[in-house]
Amino acid sequence: MEVDKDCVYGPRMIKTYLDRHTVGRFQEIGISVAEAQFLGMIRVNDGLSMRELSEKVAVDKAHTTRTVQVLMDKGLVANQGQGHMYRLSLTEKGTETALQARAIINEAWNSLLRDLTPEENEALISILRKMSRVIREDLA
């Protein structure tokens, strides 16, 4: 694929746009961008182990351990496992925060994609799902 010289796009530009529209709002609800990602993943995968969470967010276990500890200290995540066996779940406050973060993310994406037709939006979602599948397979 050849990049159009008159068009500014790519992963970094998309991340920059989304960060500009989310970081301040995440700070208002007391979380970081990374913490929002972890909360969202735990919300849709209740009972994840640390290893599973690391794999799903595609970061190393040390980063996952640090982030989960911060989320536990904030009262957003609880360990339902025994001893060193983690089974992560959101607390009531964590669920509320995760839903607020999801709304913030949705608003940012809707702003970014506002000029797409419904058909283009569906095509983009299909493409992103395929790209996600390739990434997951490559990371496995």
Protein backbone atom coordinates (compact mmCIF):
# COMPACT_ATOMS: atom_id res chain seq x y z
CA MET A 1 0.00 0.00 0.00
CA GLU A 2 1.34 3.41 -0.92
CA VAL A 3 0.78 6.30 1.47
CA ASP A 4 -1.03 9.32 0.05
CA LYS A 5 1.38 12.25 0.45
CA ASP A 6 -1.49 14.72 1.00
CA CYS A 7 -3.16 12.67 3.71
CA VAL A 8 -2.05 12.56 7.34
CA TYR A 9 -2.95 9.23 8.88
CA GLY A 10 -1.49 6.29 10.64
CA PRO A 11 -1.46 4.70 14.07
CA ARG A 12 0.45 7.53 15.73
CA MET A 13 -1.88 10.22 14.36
CA ILE A 14 -4.96 8.29 15.45
CA LYS A 15 -3.49 7.74 18.93
CA THR A 16 -2.59 11.45 19.20
CA TYR A 17 -6.12 12.47 18.19
CA LEU A 18 -7.76 10.05 20.62
CA ASP A 19 -5.40 11.02 23.46
CA ARG A 20 -6.25 14.71 22.97
CA HIS A 21 -9.92 13.87 23.31
CA THR A 22 -9.63 11.47 26.25
CA VAL A 23 -6.65 12.17 28.54
CA GLY A 24 -8.12 15.21 30.30
CA ARG A 25 -11.47 13.52 30.74
CA PHE A 26 -9.82 10.38 32.09
CA GLN A 27 -7.93 12.55 34.59
CA GLU A 28 -11.28 14.02 35.71
CA ILE A 29 -12.48 10.52 36.64
CA GLY A 30 -9.13 9.66 38.24
CA ILE A 31 -7.54 7.26 35.74
CA SER A 32 -4.89 7.20 33.02
CA VAL A 33 -5.26 6.02 29.42
CA ALA A 34 -3.54 2.72 30.30
CA GLU A 35 -5.77 2.24 33.35
CA ALA A 36 -8.85 2.82 31.17
CA GLN A 37 -7.69 0.07 28.83
CA PHE A 38 -7.16 -2.37 31.72
CA LEU A 39 -10.53 -1.52 33.29
CA GLY A 40 -12.29 -2.08 29.98
CA MET A 41 -10.61 -5.42 29.45
CA ILE A 42 -11.45 -6.64 32.96
CA ARG A 43 -15.03 -5.39 32.58
CA VAL A 44 -15.64 -7.58 29.52
CA ASN A 45 -13.53 -10.51 30.80
CA ASP A 46 -14.40 -10.84 34.48
CA GLY A 47 -12.14 -13.23 36.37
CA LEU A 48 -9.03 -12.79 34.20
CA SER A 49 -5.67 -13.92 35.54
CA MET A 50 -2.72 -11.53 35.37
CA ARG A 51 -1.25 -13.58 32.50
CA GLU A 52 -4.50 -13.49 30.54
CA LEU A 53 -4.83 -9.75 31.10
CA SER A 54 -1.23 -9.19 29.93
CA GLU A 55 -1.96 -11.14 26.76
CA LYS A 56 -5.22 -9.35 26.04
CA VAL A 57 -3.76 -5.85 26.41
CA ALA A 58 -0.50 -6.94 24.74
CA VAL A 59 1.89 -5.68 27.43
CA ASP A 60 4.45 -7.45 29.60
CA LYS A 61 3.52 -8.97 32.94
CA ALA A 62 5.51 -6.39 34.94
CA HIS A 63 3.49 -3.55 33.39
CA THR A 64 0.29 -5.45 34.07
CA THR A 65 1.28 -6.08 37.70
CA ARG A 66 2.07 -2.40 38.30
CA THR A 67 -1.13 -1.16 36.65
CA VAL A 68 -3.35 -3.68 38.42
CA GLN A 69 -1.79 -2.74 41.76
CA VAL A 70 -2.60 0.94 41.10
CA LEU A 71 -6.17 -0.01 40.17
CA MET A 72 -6.49 -2.09 43.34
CA ASP A 73 -5.09 0.78 45.43
CA LYS A 74 -7.73 3.06 43.88
CA GLY A 75 -10.45 0.59 44.84
CA LEU A 76 -11.37 -0.13 41.22
CA VAL A 77 -10.20 -3.75 40.92
CA ALA A 78 -10.36 -6.68 43.33
CA ASN A 79 -8.58 -10.03 43.31
CA GLN A 80 -11.11 -12.83 43.73
CA GLY A 81 -8.39 -15.50 43.57
CA GLN A 82 -6.47 -17.23 46.33
CA GLY A 83 -2.82 -16.51 47.21
CA HIS A 84 -0.76 -15.85 44.11
CA MET A 85 -3.61 -16.93 41.84
CA TYR A 86 -5.29 -13.79 40.56
CA ARG A 87 -8.86 -13.64 39.30
CA LEU A 88 -9.49 -9.98 38.61
CA SER A 89 -12.89 -8.35 38.88
CA LEU A 90 -14.10 -4.79 39.00
CA THR A 91 -15.48 -3.36 42.18
CA GLU A 92 -18.71 -1.37 42.03
CA LYS A 93 -16.63 1.81 41.77
CA GLY A 94 -14.48 0.11 39.10
CA THR A 95 -17.52 -0.81 37.03
CA GLU A 96 -18.82 2.76 37.23
CA THR A 97 -15.40 4.14 36.24
CA ALA A 98 -15.02 1.62 33.40
CA LEU A 99 -18.42 2.62 32.00
CA GLN A 100 -17.49 6.31 32.22
CA ALA A 101 -14.20 5.57 30.43
CA ARG A 102 -16.07 3.60 27.74
CA ALA A 103 -18.38 6.59 27.15
CA ILE A 104 -15.36 8.91 26.86
CA ILE A 105 -13.70 6.58 24.36
CA ASN A 106 -16.92 6.25 22.35
CA GLU A 107 -17.29 10.03 22.16
CA ALA A 108 -13.70 10.38 20.93
CA TRP A 109 -14.15 7.71 18.26
CA ASN A 110 -17.48 9.19 17.18
CA SER A 111 -15.80 12.56 16.80
CA LEU A 112 -12.99 11.05 14.75
CA LEU A 113 -15.35 9.07 12.50
CA ARG A 114 -18.10 11.69 12.21
CA ASP A 115 -17.69 12.11 8.44
CA LEU A 116 -18.06 8.40 7.64
CA THR A 117 -21.26 7.07 6.13
CA PRO A 118 -22.88 4.11 7.91
CA GLU A 119 -21.52 1.84 5.17
CA GLU A 120 -17.99 3.21 5.59
CA ASN A 121 -18.26 2.80 9.36
CA GLU A 122 -19.28 -0.85 8.96
CA ALA A 123 -16.41 -1.43 6.52
CA LEU A 124 -13.93 0.17 8.93
CA ILE A 125 -15.14 -1.99 11.82
CA SER A 126 -14.76 -5.09 9.66
CA ILE A 127 -11.23 -4.05 8.65
CA LEU A 128 -10.23 -3.28 12.25
CA ARG A 129 -11.55 -6.68 13.42
CA LYS A 130 -9.45 -8.41 10.77
CA MET A 131 -6.38 -6.37 11.74
CA SER A 132 -6.97 -7.21 15.42
CA ARG A 133 -7.16 -10.90 14.57
CA VAL A 134 -3.81 -10.71 12.72
CA ILE A 135 -2.23 -8.85 15.64
CA ARG A 136 -3.55 -11.38 18.20
CA GLU A 137 -2.29 -14.29 16.09
CA ASP A 138 1.11 -12.64 15.68
CA LEU A 139 1.43 -11.99 19.42
CA ALA A 140 0.41 -15.55 20.36
